[in-house]
Amino acid sequence: MSDIPVIDLSKAPGERAAWDRPRWVVYLWAVCELLFVTNAWQISSGVRVRILRAFGAEIGHGVVFRPRTRVKFPWKLHIGDRSWIGEGVWFHNQDHIHIGHDAVISQETFLTTGSHRHRKDMALITRPITVEDGAWITSRCVVLGGAEVGRSALVRPTTVVSGVIPPGSIVAGAECRVVGDRFE
């Protein structure tokens, strides 16, 4: 028998810790997300944006929002003017996500603001994500809670983004290392 403890998950705090809306609103959002946002049909980007706004998302003018995207809680999503959200992007936003103007979040990128107190009781811990104006997060990246992507920074494909990314830098890899300057 090992001396390493095991956390009793039946006593973990509830799944609704980040909802901050009535149950009916969350369930209605789930249906609308499935029909109008996650739906792979090439429905107008404008329809997706209008549905997200109807549920409280703050989305600027001229935003392109591609199909197959997911948004956990639209009332915690903030996107500036003329930004592009690629196909299959997943905003798992149990906390707020702020995307600046003229920013790009490319296809299949996963942004998650939540984690768990893994050493104690598995309670939910959330931290917001900020992507500043002009930043480009390329395809299949993972952006973790607390990340701050600086103005016009570029994140290469499959990078795990955490911490503060300097403005104008290029970052890459699982350790999210600066590998260059975007505007040399």
Protein backbone atom coordinates (compact mmCIF):
# COMPACT_ATOMS: atom_id res chain seq x y z
CA MET A 1 0.00 0.00 0.00
CA SER A 2 1.33 3.42 -0.94
CA ASP A 3 1.61 6.43 1.39
CA ILE A 4 0.48 8.70 -1.45
CA PRO A 5 -3.04 10.00 -0.66
CA VAL A 6 -6.03 9.84 -2.99
CA ILE A 7 -8.57 12.67 -3.11
CA ASP A 8 -12.17 11.52 -2.63
CA LEU A 9 -13.78 13.03 -5.73
CA SER A 10 -17.29 12.43 -4.40
CA LYS A 11 -16.57 15.27 -1.95
CA ALA A 12 -15.18 17.67 -4.57
CA PRO A 13 -16.96 21.06 -4.84
CA GLY A 14 -19.87 21.23 -7.31
CA GLU A 15 -19.71 21.54 -11.07
CA ARG A 16 -21.75 24.76 -11.12
CA ALA A 17 -19.13 26.87 -9.34
CA ALA A 18 -18.55 29.17 -12.36
CA TRP A 19 -22.08 29.43 -13.76
CA ASP A 20 -23.12 32.77 -12.20
CA ARG A 21 -26.40 32.62 -14.15
CA PRO A 22 -29.66 30.76 -13.46
CA ARG A 23 -29.73 27.14 -14.55
CA TRP A 24 -32.33 27.84 -17.26
CA VAL A 25 -30.04 30.46 -18.88
CA VAL A 26 -27.10 28.05 -18.96
CA TYR A 27 -29.27 25.30 -20.47
CA LEU A 28 -30.85 27.64 -23.02
CA TRP A 29 -27.35 28.79 -24.00
CA ALA A 30 -26.29 25.14 -24.48
CA VAL A 31 -29.11 24.61 -26.98
CA CYS A 32 -28.42 27.87 -28.87
CA GLU A 33 -24.68 27.15 -28.93
CA LEU A 34 -25.32 23.75 -30.48
CA LEU A 35 -27.74 25.09 -33.11
CA PHE A 36 -26.03 28.34 -34.10
CA VAL A 37 -22.41 28.48 -32.92
CA THR A 38 -20.92 24.98 -32.78
CA ASN A 39 -22.90 23.89 -35.83
CA ALA A 40 -20.51 23.00 -38.67
CA TRP A 41 -22.82 24.33 -41.37
CA GLN A 42 -21.54 27.51 -42.95
CA ILE A 43 -24.13 29.74 -41.29
CA SER A 44 -23.29 33.43 -41.40
CA SER A 45 -20.66 34.67 -38.97
CA GLY A 46 -23.10 37.49 -38.23
CA VAL A 47 -25.71 35.01 -36.95
CA ARG A 48 -23.19 33.48 -34.56
CA VAL A 49 -22.15 36.92 -33.30
CA ARG A 50 -25.78 38.01 -32.76
CA ILE A 51 -26.57 34.85 -30.77
CA LEU A 52 -23.44 35.32 -28.63
CA ARG A 53 -24.34 38.98 -28.00
CA ALA A 54 -27.91 37.97 -27.05
CA PHE A 55 -26.38 35.90 -24.23
CA GLY A 56 -24.13 38.72 -23.02
CA ALA A 57 -20.91 38.40 -25.05
CA GLU A 58 -19.25 41.73 -25.78
CA ILE A 59 -18.20 41.46 -29.43
CA GLY A 60 -16.97 44.43 -31.46
CA HIS A 61 -17.74 45.40 -35.05
CA GLY A 62 -16.45 43.38 -38.00
CA VAL A 63 -15.58 40.26 -35.98
CA VAL A 64 -15.41 37.03 -38.00
CA PHE A 65 -16.56 34.03 -35.97
CA ARG A 66 -16.09 30.76 -37.91
CA PRO A 67 -18.17 27.55 -37.48
CA ARG A 68 -17.55 24.73 -35.00
CA THR A 69 -16.57 27.12 -32.22
CA ARG A 70 -17.53 26.55 -28.61
CA VAL A 71 -18.13 29.10 -25.88
CA LYS A 72 -18.74 27.86 -22.33
CA PHE A 73 -20.22 31.12 -20.99
CA PRO A 74 -20.80 33.92 -23.53
CA TRP A 75 -21.33 36.48 -20.75
CA LYS A 76 -17.61 36.05 -19.92
CA LEU A 77 -16.35 36.65 -23.49
CA HIS A 78 -15.08 40.04 -24.70
CA ILE A 79 -13.75 40.50 -28.27
CA GLY A 80 -12.60 43.78 -29.86
CA ASP A 81 -13.30 45.09 -33.36
CA ARG A 82 -12.18 43.28 -36.54
CA SER A 83 -10.86 40.18 -34.76
CA TRP A 84 -10.98 36.71 -36.32
CA ILE A 85 -12.01 33.57 -34.46
CA GLY A 86 -11.03 30.46 -36.42
CA GLU A 87 -12.94 27.27 -36.99
CA GLY A 88 -13.05 24.92 -34.03
CA VAL A 89 -11.80 27.41 -31.42
CA TRP A 90 -12.97 26.49 -27.92
CA PHE A 91 -13.41 29.20 -25.28
CA HIS A 92 -13.69 27.15 -22.07
CA ASN A 93 -14.19 30.38 -20.18
CA GLN A 94 -15.17 29.76 -16.60
CA ASP A 95 -13.55 33.18 -16.06
CA HIS A 96 -13.36 36.15 -18.42
CA ILE A 97 -11.50 36.04 -21.72
CA HIS A 98 -10.57 39.39 -23.27
CA ILE A 99 -9.49 39.47 -26.93
CA GLY A 100 -8.33 42.84 -28.25
CA HIS A 101 -8.92 44.56 -31.59
CA ASP A 102 -7.49 43.05 -34.80
CA ALA A 103 -6.47 39.84 -33.01
CA VAL A 104 -6.59 36.33 -34.50
CA ILE A 105 -7.33 33.08 -32.67
CA SER A 106 -6.68 30.39 -35.28
CA GLN A 107 -8.40 27.05 -35.80
CA GLU A 108 -8.64 24.38 -33.12
CA THR A 109 -7.11 26.57 -30.39
CA PHE A 110 -8.31 25.83 -26.84
CA LEU A 111 -8.49 28.67 -24.30
CA THR A 112 -9.25 27.53 -20.74
CA THR A 113 -9.51 29.74 -17.70
CA GLY A 114 -10.14 26.96 -15.21
CA SER A 115 -8.12 24.41 -13.31
CA HIS A 116 -8.43 22.62 -9.97
CA ARG A 117 -6.81 22.63 -6.54
CA HIS A 118 -5.16 19.31 -7.27
CA ARG A 119 -3.37 18.99 -3.91
CA LYS A 120 -6.38 19.59 -1.71
CA ASP A 121 -9.98 19.06 -2.75
CA MET A 122 -10.18 19.53 -6.57
CA ALA A 123 -12.12 22.80 -6.14
CA LEU A 124 -12.33 24.99 -9.24
CA ILE A 125 -9.70 27.72 -9.63
CA THR A 126 -10.14 30.29 -12.38
CA ARG A 127 -7.97 33.04 -13.83
CA PRO A 128 -8.81 35.31 -16.78
CA ILE A 129 -7.03 35.32 -20.15
CA THR A 130 -6.04 38.49 -22.00
CA VAL A 131 -5.00 38.62 -25.67
CA GLU A 132 -4.01 42.17 -26.59
CA ASP A 133 -4.61 44.07 -29.84
CA GLY A 134 -2.99 42.63 -32.97
CA ALA A 135 -1.89 39.35 -31.35
CA TRP A 136 -2.08 36.15 -33.40
CA ILE A 137 -2.50 32.79 -31.70
CA THR A 138 -2.00 30.28 -34.50
CA SER A 139 -3.57 26.84 -34.86
CA ARG A 140 -3.99 24.19 -32.19
CA CYS A 141 -2.54 26.14 -29.30
CA VAL A 142 -3.60 25.76 -25.66
CA VAL A 143 -3.95 29.02 -23.73
CA LEU A 144 -4.09 28.58 -19.96
CA GLY A 145 -5.79 30.72 -17.34
CA GLY A 146 -3.73 33.71 -16.29
CA ALA A 147 -2.05 34.04 -19.69
CA GLU A 148 -1.47 37.54 -21.04
CA VAL A 149 -0.51 37.67 -24.71
CA GLY A 150 1.10 41.02 -25.49
CA ARG A 151 0.24 43.45 -28.26
CA SER A 152 1.03 42.02 -31.72
CA ALA A 153 2.72 38.91 -30.28
CA LEU A 154 2.65 35.75 -32.40
CA VAL A 155 2.14 32.29 -30.90
CA ARG A 156 3.33 29.45 -33.15
CA PRO A 157 1.20 26.32 -33.73
CA THR A 158 0.74 23.84 -30.88
CA THR A 159 2.26 26.14 -28.26
CA VAL A 160 1.08 25.88 -24.65
CA VAL A 161 0.62 29.50 -23.58
CA SER A 162 1.04 30.49 -19.96
CA GLY A 163 2.28 33.56 -18.15
CA VAL A 164 3.04 36.88 -19.79
CA ILE A 165 4.04 36.98 -23.47
CA PRO A 166 5.98 40.16 -24.35
CA PRO A 167 4.53 42.51 -26.98
CA GLY A 168 5.78 41.86 -30.54
CA SER A 169 7.48 38.60 -29.63
CA ILE A 170 7.17 35.18 -31.27
CA VAL A 171 6.73 32.28 -28.84
CA ALA A 172 6.74 28.53 -29.43
CA GLY A 173 6.73 25.14 -27.74
CA ALA A 174 5.38 23.48 -24.65
CA GLU A 175 7.46 25.86 -22.50
CA CYS A 176 6.23 28.91 -24.44
CA ARG A 177 9.73 30.29 -25.07
CA VAL A 178 10.43 33.52 -26.94
CA VAL A 179 12.02 32.48 -30.26
CA GLY A 180 12.02 35.76 -32.13
CA ASP A 181 10.63 39.20 -32.80
CA ARG A 182 7.57 39.41 -35.05
CA PHE A 183 8.62 42.68 -36.65
CA GLU A 184 12.43 42.34 -37.00
